[in-house]
Structure formats: C-alpha cells, structure tokens
Amino acid sequence: VSSGEIAWRSFHEMEISGKLRPNTKCLLISREGDRSAIEGLSFTLTGDGDDAELVLIAASEGDRYDIEHYRRLFAPAAKRQVPCFCTNPDKIMLTAVGPRFGAGQLADLYESLGGSVTRIGKPYTPIFDAALALAGNPDRSTVVCVGDSVEHDVAGGIGAGVATALVLSGILADTPDLAELFDGLNAYPDYTTDLFKFAD
C-alpha cells in the first residue's frame, strides 16, 4: 500500500460525496509526466498555478528543475489558498546525479508561500493505519517499520506504536553524526542495519 493510494481513495470518496466537484483543475507535481496518482479521478490537469483549484505533490524532479521553478509555479496557487496535498513527504531523494530535494521540501515551500498542505505519507499516521489494516491489524508489538529516514520512518514508526529498524545506507550513507540527528528529532530507532534487501 502506498500513500498515493491512500490519497486516491480519499479523493474518490470526496467525489462520491460531492465534496470535490467534477473536473476540478489539478496542478499535479510528479516525475516524468506520471499521472497514476489521479487515474480514474475526474480531475482536469493544469500546468499553471494561476488557475489550479487543487495542488497534488506526488513527487519531485529536483534533479531536473531548481527550487525557483517550483516557487514560480506554486506562488499564484498558494496566494489564493488553493488546497495542497503531498503524498510523499520525504524531503530528500536519491537520484542518478546525487541527493536532491524531495516532494516534502516542495510541500514546505508551498507552505512558506502562504498555502496550506495536507501530508499523507510517512511519518503521518494514515499510511501506517492503512498498511496495518491491510496486514489484518496485527498486534503492533509484532511489527517493525524499516526505512532509511529518521524523520519519516523512525519518527513515523514510533508515532504508530511499532518498533523501528533504521537502514544506514541510502540517504544516511554520508551522515557523520547519527546521534545528533536522533537527538535533534527526538527519534531513536530500536535497531539499525547496514543493508536491507529481500532474499532471492
């Protein structure tokens, strides 16, 4: 289950209940033109913040555009208080050209411009609740959240009441002082591992 799927369900329910009118103009921020976040929904895509009625940040192309590109795109919508949803709050993403700003930083930018953002992915509880429901709502003491982000995976797992295992590769590969990071976020993993992969 993904946070994008949770968002899709929410939008679909809003359509059914009449809280979201048909053909709402959506400014979709994704990678390489990916429209899977809105497939089957009655949105009309717009590439312009001036006439957007909803902003959906599904991904970042921080390896293609600089932050000013997004500032120009978001500013008119944020000024008009257009609601924004971020389905991937990760602030850093790994790309072929190195770490770049993720969708979470774009959500922060939107807020800094005066808009409001609803975040759906980790560390926020809806994604954990949905994943646990899909697994049959097991006893949370038997569940481990595995990830490479202290801010999202560890803090989110703690908030959801499950154990956490921090993967030390990925975005943390070049982090010199993990203790300082743990202290700064007040989030301490139960376990650490150098690598995580599924067995062949």
Protein backbone atom coordinates (compact mmCIF):
# COMPACT_ATOMS: atom_id res chain seq x y z
CA VAL A 1 0.00 0.00 0.00
CA SER A 2 1.29 3.48 -0.80
CA SER A 3 0.45 6.95 0.42
CA GLY A 4 -0.54 7.77 -3.16
CA GLU A 5 -3.16 5.03 -2.98
CA ILE A 6 -4.50 6.41 0.30
CA ALA A 7 -4.75 9.86 -1.28
CA TRP A 8 -6.51 8.42 -4.34
CA ARG A 9 -9.10 6.73 -2.13
CA SER A 10 -9.68 9.98 -0.24
CA PHE A 11 -10.20 11.95 -3.46
CA HIS A 12 -12.53 9.24 -4.79
CA GLU A 13 -14.61 9.37 -1.60
CA MET A 14 -14.72 13.17 -1.86
CA GLU A 15 -16.02 12.85 -5.44
CA ILE A 16 -18.72 10.38 -4.41
CA SER A 17 -19.84 12.57 -1.50
CA GLY A 18 -19.88 15.71 -3.64
CA LYS A 19 -17.11 17.42 -1.66
CA LEU A 20 -14.96 17.52 -4.81
CA ARG A 21 -16.65 18.80 -7.94
CA PRO A 22 -16.11 17.05 -11.28
CA ASN A 23 -13.27 18.35 -13.47
CA THR A 24 -11.50 20.14 -10.64
CA LYS A 25 -8.37 21.75 -12.10
CA CYS A 26 -5.41 19.92 -10.59
CA LEU A 27 -1.79 21.04 -10.68
CA LEU A 28 -0.04 17.67 -10.47
CA ILE A 29 3.64 17.58 -9.50
CA SER A 30 5.08 14.20 -10.46
CA ARG A 31 8.05 12.63 -12.22
CA GLU A 32 8.30 12.26 -15.98
CA GLY A 33 4.63 13.02 -16.57
CA ASP A 34 3.39 10.19 -14.34
CA ARG A 35 -0.40 10.52 -13.95
CA SER A 36 -1.03 7.38 -11.92
CA ALA A 37 -1.84 9.50 -8.84
CA ILE A 38 -5.05 10.73 -10.48
CA GLU A 39 -6.02 7.94 -12.90
CA GLY A 40 -9.74 7.31 -12.76
CA LEU A 41 -10.45 10.57 -10.94
CA SER A 42 -12.40 13.39 -12.55
CA PHE A 43 -9.58 15.92 -12.41
CA THR A 44 -8.63 18.22 -15.25
CA LEU A 45 -4.87 18.70 -15.34
CA THR A 46 -3.40 22.17 -15.49
CA GLY A 47 0.23 23.19 -15.66
CA ASP A 48 -0.48 26.64 -14.29
CA GLY A 49 -0.71 27.73 -10.67
CA ASP A 50 -2.86 30.67 -11.73
CA ASP A 51 -5.95 28.57 -12.43
CA ALA A 52 -5.30 25.48 -10.29
CA GLU A 53 -8.07 24.55 -7.86
CA LEU A 54 -6.07 21.80 -6.17
CA VAL A 55 -2.33 21.08 -5.96
CA LEU A 56 -1.13 17.49 -5.67
CA ILE A 57 2.57 16.92 -4.95
CA ALA A 58 3.27 13.27 -5.71
CA ALA A 59 7.00 13.53 -6.48
CA SER A 60 9.83 15.93 -7.17
CA GLU A 61 12.00 16.47 -10.20
CA GLY A 62 14.70 18.14 -8.17
CA ASP A 63 17.26 16.54 -10.46
CA ARG A 64 15.71 18.38 -13.41
CA TYR A 65 14.45 21.69 -12.01
CA ASP A 66 15.73 24.06 -9.34
CA ILE A 67 13.62 25.19 -6.40
CA GLU A 68 12.87 28.52 -8.09
CA HIS A 69 10.98 26.71 -10.84
CA TYR A 70 8.58 25.36 -8.23
CA ARG A 71 8.40 28.67 -6.41
CA ARG A 72 7.15 30.37 -9.59
CA LEU A 73 4.70 27.54 -10.22
CA PHE A 74 3.29 27.44 -6.69
CA ALA A 75 3.16 31.14 -5.79
CA PRO A 76 -0.16 32.04 -7.53
CA ALA A 77 -1.95 29.00 -6.10
CA ALA A 78 -0.57 29.45 -2.58
CA LYS A 79 -1.57 33.12 -2.66
CA ARG A 80 -5.16 32.10 -3.46
CA GLN A 81 -5.10 29.49 -0.65
CA VAL A 82 -5.59 26.59 -3.06
CA PRO A 83 -5.53 23.35 -1.02
CA CYS A 84 -2.40 21.26 -1.49
CA PHE A 85 -1.88 17.55 -0.80
CA CYS A 86 1.55 15.91 -0.55
CA THR A 87 1.59 12.13 -0.90
CA ASN A 88 5.34 11.76 -0.40
CA PRO A 89 6.67 13.89 2.48
CA ASP A 90 10.29 12.67 2.03
CA LYS A 91 12.49 15.77 1.94
CA ILE A 92 15.48 14.15 0.25
CA MET A 93 15.51 11.76 -2.68
CA LEU A 94 18.36 9.84 -4.23
CA THR A 95 18.84 10.38 -7.97
CA ALA A 96 21.38 9.44 -10.61
CA VAL A 97 23.06 12.81 -10.01
CA GLY A 98 23.08 12.54 -6.22
CA PRO A 99 20.70 13.63 -3.43
CA ARG A 100 18.14 16.25 -4.41
CA PHE A 101 15.15 17.90 -2.72
CA GLY A 102 12.12 15.65 -2.48
CA ALA A 103 8.40 16.22 -2.54
CA GLY A 104 8.40 17.00 1.19
CA GLN A 105 10.58 20.05 0.60
CA LEU A 106 8.17 21.16 -2.12
CA ALA A 107 5.33 20.91 0.42
CA ASP A 108 7.38 23.05 2.82
CA LEU A 109 7.92 25.56 0.02
CA TYR A 110 4.18 25.73 -0.67
CA GLU A 111 3.54 26.49 2.99
CA SER A 112 6.26 29.15 3.05
CA LEU A 113 4.40 30.87 0.20
CA GLY A 114 1.27 31.08 2.32
CA GLY A 115 -0.57 27.92 1.31
CA SER A 116 -1.70 25.01 3.46
CA VAL A 117 -0.67 21.39 2.91
CA THR A 118 -2.18 18.06 3.92
CA ARG A 119 0.59 15.46 4.16
CA ILE A 120 -0.43 11.84 3.73
CA GLY A 121 2.75 9.71 3.71
CA LYS A 122 5.22 8.89 6.48
CA PRO A 123 5.61 10.00 9.25
CA TYR A 124 1.88 10.73 9.33
CA THR A 125 -0.39 8.05 10.78
CA PRO A 126 -2.87 7.42 7.90
CA ILE A 127 -0.29 5.46 5.89
CA PHE A 128 0.64 3.30 8.90
CA ASP A 129 -3.02 2.68 9.75
CA ALA A 130 -3.74 1.64 6.15
CA ALA A 131 -0.73 -0.68 5.96
CA LEU A 132 -1.58 -2.32 9.28
CA ALA A 133 -5.21 -2.75 8.22
CA LEU A 134 -4.02 -4.43 5.01
CA ALA A 135 -1.94 -6.81 7.15
CA GLY A 136 -5.00 -7.73 9.22
CA ASN A 137 -4.37 -5.30 12.09
CA PRO A 138 -1.68 -7.37 13.83
CA ASP A 139 -0.56 -6.66 17.37
CA ARG A 140 1.68 -3.64 16.91
CA SER A 141 4.29 -5.13 19.23
CA THR A 142 4.97 -7.69 16.47
CA VAL A 143 5.56 -5.11 13.71
CA VAL A 144 8.80 -3.43 12.61
CA CYS A 145 8.95 -0.36 10.38
CA VAL A 146 12.10 -0.50 8.21
CA GLY A 147 13.47 2.54 6.42
CA ASP A 148 16.42 4.86 5.85
CA SER A 149 14.93 8.12 7.16
CA VAL A 150 14.94 9.11 10.82
CA GLU A 151 12.42 11.89 10.22
CA HIS A 152 9.95 9.76 8.28
CA ASP A 153 10.49 6.06 9.01
CA VAL A 154 11.75 6.11 12.60
CA ALA A 155 9.61 9.01 13.84
CA GLY A 156 6.62 7.65 11.95
CA GLY A 157 7.05 4.15 13.33
CA ILE A 158 7.35 5.48 16.86
CA GLY A 159 4.20 7.54 16.36
CA ALA A 160 2.37 4.47 15.08
CA GLY A 161 3.46 2.41 18.07
CA VAL A 162 5.68 -0.08 16.23
CA ALA A 163 9.37 -0.95 16.51
CA THR A 164 11.77 0.64 14.02
CA ALA A 165 14.85 -0.51 12.11
CA LEU A 166 16.99 2.18 10.53
CA VAL A 167 18.89 1.30 7.35
CA LEU A 168 22.25 3.08 7.45
CA SER A 169 22.75 3.15 3.70
CA GLY A 170 20.52 5.20 1.39
CA ILE A 171 20.07 8.84 2.35
CA LEU A 172 22.11 8.41 5.56
CA ALA A 173 25.21 7.00 3.87
CA ASP A 174 27.20 10.22 4.33
CA THR A 175 25.73 11.36 7.66
CA PRO A 176 28.67 11.82 10.08
CA ASP A 177 26.80 12.10 13.39
CA LEU A 178 23.69 9.96 13.70
CA ALA A 179 23.41 10.58 17.46
CA GLU A 180 22.99 14.30 16.78
CA LEU A 181 20.30 13.51 14.20
CA PHE A 182 18.46 11.25 16.66
CA ASP A 183 18.65 13.89 19.39
CA GLY A 184 17.51 16.68 17.06
CA LEU A 185 14.39 14.77 16.02
CA ASN A 186 13.90 13.02 19.38
CA ALA A 187 13.55 9.80 17.40
CA TYR A 188 15.69 6.79 18.26
CA PRO A 189 15.49 3.53 16.29
CA ASP A 190 15.15 0.19 18.07
CA TYR A 191 17.52 -1.44 15.58
CA THR A 192 19.99 -0.44 12.89
CA THR A 193 21.18 -2.38 9.87
CA ASP A 194 23.74 -1.59 7.20
CA LEU A 195 21.62 -3.03 4.41
CA PHE A 196 18.11 -4.25 3.76
CA LYS A 197 17.04 -6.39 0.82
CA PHE A 198 14.61 -9.15 0.06
CA ALA A 199 16.10 -12.63 -0.22
CA ASP A 200 16.33 -14.08 -3.73
